[in-house]
């Protein structure tokens, strides 16, 4: 019989995920010697090495890979047990762990603020990350809910839209097209476009839309955040396609302009997402219903002010 402790498994899972004792120690708020000791004790209990070092890097052994698989399953069961127990407590002391795609971070804070006002005793843990990392967190059951653009097909996820997410073409104020109206879509082929990183939901939607209209855009720099894109456009490096929600402040301050292009904006949606079959806590269920029932009205009201 294996004599393992939950602490040993927790430390092992962190090292296995990060493939680094140092990053695991930072994540768990432990010293590196304490992490190494837990792994050494676990390997003694198992009777096999779980990691091997090659140069300065560590890798999982075959035994380590197997144990990592089971440690994630155990973690999921413990998380589910915690959710069930929290559910028994109702919404007075619950916790909500969600992740937000970086672009959706321009939408989420005002909605979370409204939700927190309604349920002031709930604790909300928010992680703002990119689309790929968010999907990995959902896959590994590290979060209950996510806010993002439509997830890719084929994943075992439940995704429900709660508000529209229009994608628009932005330009610096001194760009010649700013003064034009009803700009033909193919006119954009003459312009250089700044792009989000590969895998970004905005980039996927943009490329899909222009490919559908048989247009080939000239692409310039690739940037991994909406803030970098906006700064690049303001500096005159090119045009870009972004969520209208991400440029509301810049439009109000007259730092950027939205071009009046035929057949635009591209209408997408924001989605509240969780794993299919996941048993959501009371806090997560309350937040999901809040988003589906009230998010659109709140955002319309905020835009009208």
C-alpha atoms as a PDB file:
ATOM      1  CA  UNK A   1       0.000   0.000   0.000  1.00  0.00           C
ATOM      2  CA  UNK A   2       1.217   3.480  -0.837  1.00  0.00           C
ATOM      3  CA  UNK A   3       1.625   5.735   2.188  1.00  0.00           C
ATOM      4  CA  UNK A   4       1.127   9.143   0.627  1.00  0.00           C
ATOM      5  CA  UNK A   5      -0.037  12.404   2.094  1.00  0.00           C
ATOM      6  CA  UNK A   6      -2.167  15.039   0.372  1.00  0.00           C
ATOM      7  CA  UNK A   7       0.630  17.525   1.040  1.00  0.00           C
ATOM      8  CA  UNK A   8       3.137  15.366  -0.822  1.00  0.00           C
ATOM      9  CA  UNK A   9       0.757  14.984  -3.758  1.00  0.00           C
ATOM     10  CA  UNK A  10       0.060  18.714  -3.812  1.00  0.00           C
ATOM     11  CA  UNK A  11       3.780  19.545  -3.883  1.00  0.00           C
ATOM     12  CA  UNK A  12       4.426  16.858  -6.501  1.00  0.00           C
ATOM     13  CA  UNK A  13       1.611  18.137  -8.730  1.00  0.00           C
ATOM     14  CA  UNK A  14       3.007  21.678  -8.592  1.00  0.00           C
ATOM     15  CA  UNK A  15       6.532  20.544  -9.494  1.00  0.00           C
ATOM     16  CA  UNK A  16       5.161  18.310 -12.264  1.00  0.00           C
ATOM     17  CA  UNK A  17       3.051  21.130 -13.699  1.00  0.00           C
ATOM     18  CA  UNK A  18       5.872  23.684 -13.624  1.00  0.00           C
ATOM     19  CA  UNK A  19       8.764  21.248 -14.176  1.00  0.00           C
ATOM     20  CA  UNK A  20      10.634  23.441 -11.725  1.00  0.00           C
ATOM     21  CA  UNK A  21      11.279  23.183  -7.987  1.00  0.00           C
ATOM     22  CA  UNK A  22      11.771  26.946  -7.815  1.00  0.00           C
ATOM     23  CA  UNK A  23       8.456  27.859  -9.466  1.00  0.00           C
ATOM     24  CA  UNK A  24       6.633  25.225  -7.398  1.00  0.00           C
ATOM     25  CA  UNK A  25       8.108  26.715  -4.217  1.00  0.00           C
ATOM     26  CA  UNK A  26       6.916  30.191  -5.270  1.00  0.00           C
ATOM     27  CA  UNK A  27       3.460  28.881  -6.157  1.00  0.00           C
ATOM     28  CA  UNK A  28       3.068  27.035  -2.838  1.00  0.00           C
ATOM     29  CA  UNK A  29       4.789  29.722  -0.728  1.00  0.00           C
ATOM     30  CA  UNK A  30       7.359  27.207   0.498  1.00  0.00           C
ATOM     31  CA  UNK A  31      11.140  27.164   0.522  1.00  0.00           C
ATOM     32  CA  UNK A  32      12.851  25.183  -2.218  1.00  0.00           C
ATOM     33  CA  UNK A  33      14.461  22.777   0.314  1.00  0.00           C
ATOM     34  CA  UNK A  34      10.978  22.061   1.726  1.00  0.00           C
ATOM     35  CA  UNK A  35       9.710  21.218  -1.762  1.00  0.00           C
ATOM     36  CA  UNK A  36      12.716  18.986  -2.447  1.00  0.00           C
ATOM     37  CA  UNK A  37      12.201  17.175   0.877  1.00  0.00           C
ATOM     38  CA  UNK A  38       8.531  16.453   0.099  1.00  0.00           C
ATOM     39  CA  UNK A  39       9.453  15.043  -3.321  1.00  0.00           C
ATOM     40  CA  UNK A  40      12.260  12.936  -1.834  1.00  0.00           C
ATOM     41  CA  UNK A  41       9.899  11.479   0.789  1.00  0.00           C
ATOM     42  CA  UNK A  42       7.297  10.766  -1.877  1.00  0.00           C
ATOM     43  CA  UNK A  43       9.847   8.971  -4.067  1.00  0.00           C
ATOM     44  CA  UNK A  44      10.897   6.892  -1.056  1.00  0.00           C
ATOM     45  CA  UNK A  45       7.263   5.931  -0.418  1.00  0.00           C
ATOM     46  CA  UNK A  46       6.677   5.073  -4.080  1.00  0.00           C
ATOM     47  CA  UNK A  47      10.003   3.282  -4.446  1.00  0.00           C
ATOM     48  CA  UNK A  48      10.777   4.901  -7.796  1.00  0.00           C
ATOM     49  CA  UNK A  49      12.179   8.143  -9.113  1.00  0.00           C
ATOM     50  CA  UNK A  50       9.480  10.562 -10.248  1.00  0.00           C
ATOM     51  CA  UNK A  51      11.775  13.132 -11.873  1.00  0.00           C
ATOM     52  CA  UNK A  52      14.998  12.971 -13.804  1.00  0.00           C
ATOM     53  CA  UNK A  53      17.387  15.859 -14.402  1.00  0.00           C
ATOM     54  CA  UNK A  54      19.037  16.559 -17.749  1.00  0.00           C
ATOM     55  CA  UNK A  55      21.306  19.559 -17.614  1.00  0.00           C
ATOM     56  CA  UNK A  56      19.477  22.313 -15.804  1.00  0.00           C
ATOM     57  CA  UNK A  57      16.013  20.968 -16.636  1.00  0.00           C
ATOM     58  CA  UNK A  58      13.911  18.308 -14.913  1.00  0.00           C
ATOM     59  CA  UNK A  59      11.499  15.913 -16.595  1.00  0.00           C
ATOM     60  CA  UNK A  60       8.871  13.456 -15.382  1.00  0.00           C
ATOM     61  CA  UNK A  61       9.861   9.802 -15.461  1.00  0.00           C
ATOM     62  CA  UNK A  62       7.317   7.255 -16.664  1.00  0.00           C
ATOM     63  CA  UNK A  63       6.332   6.667 -13.024  1.00  0.00           C
ATOM     64  CA  UNK A  64       6.073  10.425 -12.537  1.00  0.00           C
ATOM     65  CA  UNK A  65       3.769  10.782 -15.528  1.00  0.00           C
ATOM     66  CA  UNK A  66       1.465   8.084 -14.178  1.00  0.00           C
ATOM     67  CA  UNK A  67       1.366   9.603 -10.704  1.00  0.00           C
ATOM     68  CA  UNK A  68       0.718  13.078 -12.149  1.00  0.00           C
ATOM     69  CA  UNK A  69      -2.340  11.700 -13.946  1.00  0.00           C
ATOM     70  CA  UNK A  70      -3.730  10.257 -10.704  1.00  0.00           C
ATOM     71  CA  UNK A  71      -2.808  13.326  -8.646  1.00  0.00           C
ATOM     72  CA  UNK A  72      -4.933  15.491 -10.954  1.00  0.00           C
ATOM     73  CA  UNK A  73      -7.863  13.090 -10.581  1.00  0.00           C
ATOM     74  CA  UNK A  74      -7.509  13.180  -6.791  1.00  0.00           C
ATOM     75  CA  UNK A  75      -7.324  16.988  -6.883  1.00  0.00           C
ATOM     76  CA  UNK A  76     -10.521  17.142  -8.952  1.00  0.00           C
ATOM     77  CA  UNK A  77     -12.332  14.916  -6.468  1.00  0.00           C
ATOM     78  CA  UNK A  78     -11.168  17.059  -3.540  1.00  0.00           C
ATOM     79  CA  UNK A  79     -12.246  20.226  -5.369  1.00  0.00           C
ATOM     80  CA  UNK A  80     -15.650  18.675  -6.005  1.00  0.00           C
ATOM     81  CA  UNK A  81     -15.936  17.670  -2.348  1.00  0.00           C
ATOM     82  CA  UNK A  82     -15.069  21.240  -1.319  1.00  0.00           C
ATOM     83  CA  UNK A  83     -17.717  22.572  -3.715  1.00  0.00           C
ATOM     84  CA  UNK A  84     -20.363  20.231  -2.306  1.00  0.00           C
ATOM     85  CA  UNK A  85     -19.536  21.246   1.256  1.00  0.00           C
ATOM     86  CA  UNK A  86     -19.560  24.926   0.274  1.00  0.00           C
ATOM     87  CA  UNK A  87     -22.930  24.342  -1.330  1.00  0.00           C
ATOM     88  CA  UNK A  88     -24.267  23.090   1.982  1.00  0.00           C
ATOM     89  CA  UNK A  89     -23.207  26.413   3.505  1.00  0.00           C
ATOM     90  CA  UNK A  90     -25.184  28.320   0.899  1.00  0.00           C
ATOM     91  CA  UNK A  91     -24.032  31.659  -0.469  1.00  0.00           C
ATOM     92  CA  UNK A  92     -22.822  33.115   2.814  1.00  0.00           C
ATOM     93  CA  UNK A  93     -19.245  31.812   2.795  1.00  0.00           C
ATOM     94  CA  UNK A  94     -18.722  30.479  -0.709  1.00  0.00           C
ATOM     95  CA  UNK A  95     -15.711  30.909  -2.974  1.00  0.00           C
ATOM     96  CA  UNK A  96     -15.737  31.553  -6.704  1.00  0.00           C
ATOM     97  CA  UNK A  97     -12.689  30.817  -8.852  1.00  0.00           C
ATOM     98  CA  UNK A  98     -12.910  32.107 -12.415  1.00  0.00           C
ATOM     99  CA  UNK A  99     -10.554  32.997 -15.263  1.00  0.00           C
ATOM    100  CA  UNK A 100     -11.076  35.728 -17.824  1.00  0.00           C
ATOM    101  CA  UNK A 101      -9.580  35.952 -21.292  1.00  0.00           C
ATOM    102  CA  UNK A 102      -7.357  39.037 -21.409  1.00  0.00           C
ATOM    103  CA  UNK A 103      -9.602  40.791 -23.935  1.00  0.00           C
ATOM    104  CA  UNK A 104     -12.682  40.139 -21.793  1.00  0.00           C
ATOM    105  CA  UNK A 105     -10.977  41.863 -18.874  1.00  0.00           C
ATOM    106  CA  UNK A 106     -12.417  45.119 -20.205  1.00  0.00           C
ATOM    107  CA  UNK A 107     -15.909  43.673 -19.650  1.00  0.00           C
ATOM    108  CA  UNK A 108     -15.512  41.537 -16.537  1.00  0.00           C
ATOM    109  CA  UNK A 109     -14.585  44.024 -13.757  1.00  0.00           C
ATOM    110  CA  UNK A 110     -17.801  46.062 -13.865  1.00  0.00           C
ATOM    111  CA  UNK A 111     -19.858  42.864 -13.926  1.00  0.00           C
ATOM    112  CA  UNK A 112     -17.883  41.344 -11.051  1.00  0.00           C
ATOM    113  CA  UNK A 113     -18.325  44.564  -9.090  1.00  0.00           C
ATOM    114  CA  UNK A 114     -22.090  44.395  -9.524  1.00  0.00           C
ATOM    115  CA  UNK A 115     -22.117  40.705  -8.564  1.00  0.00           C
ATOM    116  CA  UNK A 116     -19.970  41.351  -5.460  1.00  0.00           C
ATOM    117  CA  UNK A 117     -22.333  44.107  -4.336  1.00  0.00           C
ATOM    118  CA  UNK A 118     -25.175  41.609  -4.450  1.00  0.00           C
ATOM    119  CA  UNK A 119     -23.208  38.851  -2.678  1.00  0.00           C
ATOM    120  CA  UNK A 120     -20.706  40.746  -0.484  1.00  0.00           C
ATOM    121  CA  UNK A 121     -19.712  37.731   1.622  1.00  0.00           C
ATOM    122  CA  UNK A 122     -18.535  35.647  -1.342  1.00  0.00           C
ATOM    123  CA  UNK A 123     -14.808  35.468  -2.084  1.00  0.00           C
ATOM    124  CA  UNK A 124     -13.908  35.810  -5.767  1.00  0.00           C
ATOM    125  CA  UNK A 125     -10.567  34.661  -7.165  1.00  0.00           C
ATOM    126  CA  UNK A 126      -9.924  36.107 -10.643  1.00  0.00           C
ATOM    127  CA  UNK A 127      -7.180  35.146 -13.087  1.00  0.00           C
ATOM    128  CA  UNK A 128      -6.724  37.197 -16.268  1.00  0.00           C
ATOM    129  CA  UNK A 129      -4.879  35.147 -18.862  1.00  0.00           C
ATOM    130  CA  UNK A 130      -4.675  34.369 -22.568  1.00  0.00           C
ATOM    131  CA  UNK A 131      -7.047  32.065 -24.410  1.00  0.00           C
ATOM    132  CA  UNK A 132      -4.720  29.057 -24.529  1.00  0.00           C
ATOM    133  CA  UNK A 133      -3.896  29.175 -20.820  1.00  0.00           C
ATOM    134  CA  UNK A 134      -7.581  29.621 -19.992  1.00  0.00           C
ATOM    135  CA  UNK A 135      -8.537  26.490 -21.961  1.00  0.00           C
ATOM    136  CA  UNK A 136      -5.789  24.553 -20.168  1.00  0.00           C
ATOM    137  CA  UNK A 137      -7.150  25.673 -16.796  1.00  0.00           C
ATOM    138  CA  UNK A 138     -10.599  24.435 -17.791  1.00  0.00           C
ATOM    139  CA  UNK A 139      -9.155  21.130 -19.018  1.00  0.00           C
ATOM    140  CA  UNK A 140      -7.269  20.588 -15.747  1.00  0.00           C
ATOM    141  CA  UNK A 141     -10.283  21.614 -13.651  1.00  0.00           C
ATOM    142  CA  UNK A 142      -8.314  24.439 -12.041  1.00  0.00           C
ATOM    143  CA  UNK A 143     -11.225  26.904 -12.331  1.00  0.00           C
ATOM    144  CA  UNK A 144     -14.990  26.629 -12.116  1.00  0.00           C
ATOM    145  CA  UNK A 145     -15.943  29.200 -14.740  1.00  0.00           C
ATOM    146  CA  UNK A 146     -14.336  31.191 -17.510  1.00  0.00           C
ATOM    147  CA  UNK A 147     -15.320  34.294 -19.461  1.00  0.00           C
ATOM    148  CA  UNK A 148     -14.074  34.241 -23.029  1.00  0.00           C
ATOM    149  CA  UNK A 149     -14.974  34.372 -26.686  1.00  0.00           C
ATOM    150  CA  UNK A 150     -16.481  31.226 -28.170  1.00  0.00           C
ATOM    151  CA  UNK A 151     -14.260  28.230 -27.338  1.00  0.00           C
ATOM    152  CA  UNK A 152     -13.098  25.915 -30.127  1.00  0.00           C
ATOM    153  CA  UNK A 153     -15.366  23.061 -31.140  1.00  0.00           C
ATOM    154  CA  UNK A 154     -14.608  19.535 -30.037  1.00  0.00           C
ATOM    155  CA  UNK A 155     -13.875  20.367 -26.406  1.00  0.00           C
ATOM    156  CA  UNK A 156     -16.055  18.944 -23.642  1.00  0.00           C
ATOM    157  CA  UNK A 157     -17.299  22.368 -22.542  1.00  0.00           C
ATOM    158  CA  UNK A 158     -20.594  24.155 -21.958  1.00  0.00           C
ATOM    159  CA  UNK A 159     -20.526  27.702 -23.387  1.00  0.00           C
ATOM    160  CA  UNK A 160     -23.453  30.136 -23.114  1.00  0.00           C
ATOM    161  CA  UNK A 161     -23.360  33.654 -24.561  1.00  0.00           C
ATOM    162  CA  UNK A 162     -24.324  36.584 -22.342  1.00  0.00           C
ATOM    163  CA  UNK A 163     -23.576  39.705 -24.415  1.00  0.00           C
ATOM    164  CA  UNK A 164     -22.458  40.748 -27.897  1.00  0.00           C
ATOM    165  CA  UNK A 165     -18.784  41.447 -28.567  1.00  0.00           C
ATOM    166  CA  UNK A 166     -18.439  43.631 -31.694  1.00  0.00           C
ATOM    167  CA  UNK A 167     -15.044  43.622 -33.424  1.00  0.00           C
ATOM    168  CA  UNK A 168     -14.122  46.890 -35.138  1.00  0.00           C
ATOM    169  CA  UNK A 169     -11.229  48.301 -37.172  1.00  0.00           C
ATOM    170  CA  UNK A 170      -9.296  50.978 -35.273  1.00  0.00           C
ATOM    171  CA  UNK A 171      -6.920  53.620 -36.629  1.00  0.00           C
ATOM    172  CA  UNK A 172      -4.917  56.601 -35.337  1.00  0.00           C
ATOM    173  CA  UNK A 173      -6.819  59.888 -35.487  1.00  0.00           C
ATOM    174  CA  UNK A 174      -4.590  61.259 -38.266  1.00  0.00           C
ATOM    175  CA  UNK A 175      -5.198  58.316 -40.611  1.00  0.00           C
ATOM    176  CA  UNK A 176      -6.779  59.377 -43.966  1.00  0.00           C
ATOM    177  CA  UNK A 177      -9.558  56.758 -43.686  1.00  0.00           C
ATOM    178  CA  UNK A 178     -10.867  58.304 -40.454  1.00  0.00           C
ATOM    179  CA  UNK A 179     -12.593  61.036 -42.470  1.00  0.00           C
ATOM    180  CA  UNK A 180     -14.186  58.590 -44.927  1.00  0.00           C
ATOM    181  CA  UNK A 181     -17.575  56.864 -44.628  1.00  0.00           C
ATOM    182  CA  UNK A 182     -18.895  53.544 -45.869  1.00  0.00           C
ATOM    183  CA  UNK A 183     -15.379  52.354 -46.699  1.00  0.00           C
ATOM    184  CA  UNK A 184     -15.377  49.283 -49.004  1.00  0.00           C
ATOM    185  CA  UNK A 185     -14.086  46.209 -47.227  1.00  0.00           C
ATOM    186  CA  UNK A 186     -11.488  45.493 -49.938  1.00  0.00           C
ATOM    187  CA  UNK A 187      -9.956  48.954 -49.349  1.00  0.00           C
ATOM    188  CA  UNK A 188      -8.423  47.473 -46.189  1.00  0.00           C
ATOM    189  CA  UNK A 189      -6.126  45.296 -48.313  1.00  0.00           C
ATOM    190  CA  UNK A 190      -3.937  48.376 -48.872  1.00  0.00           C
ATOM    191  CA  UNK A 191      -3.344  48.821 -45.128  1.00  0.00           C
ATOM    192  CA  UNK A 192      -0.928  47.149 -42.711  1.00  0.00           C
ATOM    193  CA  UNK A 193      -2.600  45.390 -39.764  1.00  0.00           C
ATOM    194  CA  UNK A 194      -1.204  44.719 -36.312  1.00  0.00           C
ATOM    195  CA  UNK A 195      -2.127  41.204 -35.187  1.00  0.00           C
ATOM    196  CA  UNK A 196      -2.758  39.453 -31.900  1.00  0.00           C
ATOM    197  CA  UNK A 197      -0.760  36.310 -31.217  1.00  0.00           C
ATOM    198  CA  UNK A 198      -1.633  33.010 -32.907  1.00  0.00           C
ATOM    199  CA  UNK A 199      -4.485  31.314 -31.025  1.00  0.00           C
ATOM    200  CA  UNK A 200      -6.068  34.589 -29.920  1.00  0.00           C
ATOM    201  CA  UNK A 201      -9.859  34.514 -30.274  1.00  0.00           C
ATOM    202  CA  UNK A 202      -9.867  37.982 -31.850  1.00  0.00           C
ATOM    203  CA  UNK A 203      -7.266  36.954 -34.402  1.00  0.00           C
ATOM    204  CA  UNK A 204      -9.106  33.739 -35.250  1.00  0.00           C
ATOM    205  CA  UNK A 205     -12.369  35.637 -35.818  1.00  0.00           C
ATOM    206  CA  UNK A 206     -10.596  38.332 -37.851  1.00  0.00           C
ATOM    207  CA  UNK A 207      -8.800  35.870 -40.131  1.00  0.00           C
ATOM    208  CA  UNK A 208     -11.930  33.765 -40.572  1.00  0.00           C
ATOM    209  CA  UNK A 209     -13.980  36.830 -41.536  1.00  0.00           C
ATOM    210  CA  UNK A 210     -11.540  38.223 -44.090  1.00  0.00           C
ATOM    211  CA  UNK A 211     -10.858  34.772 -45.579  1.00  0.00           C
ATOM    212  CA  UNK A 212     -14.621  34.359 -46.016  1.00  0.00           C
ATOM    213  CA  UNK A 213     -14.641  37.600 -48.035  1.00  0.00           C
ATOM    214  CA  UNK A 214     -11.548  36.464 -49.983  1.00  0.00           C
ATOM    215  CA  UNK A 215      -9.460  39.361 -48.738  1.00  0.00           C
ATOM    216  CA  UNK A 216      -5.738  39.141 -47.982  1.00  0.00           C
ATOM    217  CA  UNK A 217      -4.524  41.599 -45.379  1.00  0.00           C
ATOM    218  CA  UNK A 218      -0.970  42.867 -45.082  1.00  0.00           C
ATOM    219  CA  UNK A 219       0.195  41.956 -41.598  1.00  0.00           C
ATOM    220  CA  UNK A 220       2.816  43.843 -39.634  1.00  0.00           C
ATOM    221  CA  UNK A 221       3.805  43.251 -36.028  1.00  0.00           C
ATOM    222  CA  UNK A 222       2.331  40.530 -33.838  1.00  0.00           C
ATOM    223  CA  UNK A 223       1.492  41.534 -30.257  1.00  0.00           C
ATOM    224  CA  UNK A 224       0.195  39.507 -27.331  1.00  0.00           C
ATOM    225  CA  UNK A 225      -2.123  41.997 -25.647  1.00  0.00           C
ATOM    226  CA  UNK A 226      -4.867  44.459 -26.494  1.00  0.00           C
ATOM    227  CA  UNK A 227      -2.937  47.210 -24.698  1.00  0.00           C
ATOM    228  CA  UNK A 228       0.086  46.672 -26.951  1.00  0.00           C
ATOM    229  CA  UNK A 229      -2.159  46.677 -30.029  1.00  0.00           C
ATOM    230  CA  UNK A 230      -3.770  49.969 -29.006  1.00  0.00           C
ATOM    231  CA  UNK A 231      -0.413  51.593 -28.320  1.00  0.00           C
ATOM    232  CA  UNK A 232       0.911  50.374 -31.681  1.00  0.00           C
ATOM    233  CA  UNK A 233      -2.076  51.774 -33.564  1.00  0.00           C
ATOM    234  CA  UNK A 234      -1.781  55.114 -31.762  1.00  0.00           C
ATOM    235  CA  UNK A 235       1.904  55.218 -32.760  1.00  0.00           C
ATOM    236  CA  UNK A 236       0.974  54.780 -36.429  1.00  0.00           C
ATOM    237  CA  UNK A 237       2.342  51.257 -36.883  1.00  0.00           C
ATOM    238  CA  UNK A 238      -0.852  50.103 -38.614  1.00  0.00           C
ATOM    239  CA  UNK A 239      -4.545  49.405 -38.207  1.00  0.00           C
ATOM    240  CA  UNK A 240      -6.015  46.563 -36.178  1.00  0.00           C
ATOM    241  CA  UNK A 241      -9.212  44.685 -35.394  1.00  0.00           C
ATOM    242  CA  UNK A 242     -10.180  44.740 -31.716  1.00  0.00           C
ATOM    243  CA  UNK A 243     -13.197  44.304 -29.487  1.00  0.00           C
ATOM    244  CA  UNK A 244     -15.113  47.555 -29.234  1.00  0.00           C
ATOM    245  CA  UNK A 245     -15.193  47.044 -25.462  1.00  0.00           C
ATOM    246  CA  UNK A 246     -11.391  47.334 -25.288  1.00  0.00           C
ATOM    247  CA  UNK A 247     -11.219  50.853 -26.806  1.00  0.00           C
ATOM    248  CA  UNK A 248     -14.108  52.680 -25.127  1.00  0.00           C
ATOM    249  CA  UNK A 249     -11.780  54.887 -23.055  1.00  0.00           C
ATOM    250  CA  UNK A 250      -9.509  55.671 -26.028  1.00  0.00           C
ATOM    251  CA  UNK A 251     -12.502  56.623 -28.178  1.00  0.00           C
ATOM    252  CA  UNK A 252     -13.853  58.875 -25.448  1.00  0.00           C
ATOM    253  CA  UNK A 253     -10.429  60.514 -25.039  1.00  0.00           C
ATOM    254  CA  UNK A 254     -10.078  60.816 -28.843  1.00  0.00           C
ATOM    255  CA  UNK A 255      -6.853  58.836 -28.957  1.00  0.00           C
ATOM    256  CA  UNK A 256      -8.171  56.314 -31.491  1.00  0.00           C
ATOM    257  CA  UNK A 257     -10.940  56.152 -34.077  1.00  0.00           C
ATOM    258  CA  UNK A 258     -13.189  53.358 -35.318  1.00  0.00           C
ATOM    259  CA  UNK A 259     -13.311  53.213 -39.123  1.00  0.00           C
ATOM    260  CA  UNK A 260     -16.697  53.223 -40.849  1.00  0.00           C
ATOM    261  CA  UNK A 261     -16.216  50.063 -42.926  1.00  0.00           C
ATOM    262  CA  UNK A 262     -18.921  48.289 -44.916  1.00  0.00           C
ATOM    263  CA  UNK A 263     -20.190  45.020 -43.395  1.00  0.00           C
ATOM    264  CA  UNK A 264     -18.489  45.753 -40.068  1.00  0.00           C
ATOM    265  CA  UNK A 265     -18.441  45.320 -37.114  1.00  0.00           C
ATOM    266  CA  UNK A 266     -17.867  41.584 -36.890  1.00  0.00           C
ATOM    267  CA  UNK A 267     -20.418  40.448 -34.302  1.00  0.00           C
ATOM    268  CA  UNK A 268     -19.120  37.876 -31.844  1.00  0.00           C
ATOM    269  CA  UNK A 269     -20.237  37.122 -28.287  1.00  0.00           C
ATOM    270  CA  UNK A 270     -18.799  36.790 -24.830  1.00  0.00           C
ATOM    271  CA  UNK A 271     -19.440  33.401 -23.230  1.00  0.00           C
ATOM    272  CA  UNK A 272     -19.603  32.007 -19.718  1.00  0.00           C
ATOM    273  CA  UNK A 273     -17.889  28.605 -19.933  1.00  0.00           C
ATOM    274  CA  UNK A 274     -17.380  25.530 -17.750  1.00  0.00           C
ATOM    275  CA  UNK A 275     -16.555  21.871 -18.194  1.00  0.00           C
ATOM    276  CA  UNK A 276     -19.412  19.645 -19.278  1.00  0.00           C
ATOM    277  CA  UNK A 277     -20.738  17.627 -16.347  1.00  0.00           C
ATOM    278  CA  UNK A 278     -18.934  19.741 -13.746  1.00  0.00           C
ATOM    279  CA  UNK A 279     -20.854  20.158 -10.518  1.00  0.00           C
ATOM    280  CA  UNK A 280     -20.816  23.905  -9.992  1.00  0.00           C
ATOM    281  CA  UNK A 281     -20.769  25.341  -6.484  1.00  0.00           C
ATOM    282  CA  UNK A 282     -23.606  27.548  -5.279  1.00  0.00           C
ATOM    283  CA  UNK A 283     -21.398  30.609  -5.844  1.00  0.00           C
ATOM    284  CA  UNK A 284     -20.571  29.540  -9.401  1.00  0.00           C
ATOM    285  CA  UNK A 285     -24.228  28.811 -10.192  1.00  0.00           C
ATOM    286  CA  UNK A 286     -25.242  32.206  -8.829  1.00  0.00           C
ATOM    287  CA  UNK A 287     -22.581  33.960 -10.909  1.00  0.00           C
ATOM    288  CA  UNK A 288     -23.524  32.053 -14.058  1.00  0.00           C
ATOM    289  CA  UNK A 289     -27.199  32.976 -13.700  1.00  0.00           C
ATOM    290  CA  UNK A 290     -26.255  36.572 -12.920  1.00  0.00           C
ATOM    291  CA  UNK A 291     -24.217  36.783 -16.140  1.00  0.00           C
ATOM    292  CA  UNK A 292     -26.872  35.167 -18.318  1.00  0.00           C
ATOM    293  CA  UNK A 293     -29.778  37.175 -16.907  1.00  0.00           C
ATOM    294  CA  UNK A 294     -28.332  40.583 -16.124  1.00  0.00           C
ATOM    295  CA  UNK A 295     -24.952  41.219 -17.774  1.00  0.00           C
ATOM    296  CA  UNK A 296     -26.371  42.598 -21.022  1.00  0.00           C
ATOM    297  CA  UNK A 297     -28.687  45.039 -19.204  1.00  0.00           C
ATOM    298  CA  UNK A 298     -25.879  46.240 -16.934  1.00  0.00           C
ATOM    299  CA  UNK A 299     -23.555  46.874 -19.851  1.00  0.00           C
ATOM    300  CA  UNK A 300     -26.235  48.718 -21.809  1.00  0.00           C
ATOM    301  CA  UNK A 301     -26.951  50.885 -18.786  1.00  0.00           C
ATOM    302  CA  UNK A 302     -23.234  51.646 -18.302  1.00  0.00           C
ATOM    303  CA  UNK A 303     -22.827  52.545 -21.994  1.00  0.00           C
ATOM    304  CA  UNK A 304     -25.778  54.934 -21.832  1.00  0.00           C
ATOM    305  CA  UNK A 305     -24.234  57.008 -19.010  1.00  0.00           C
END
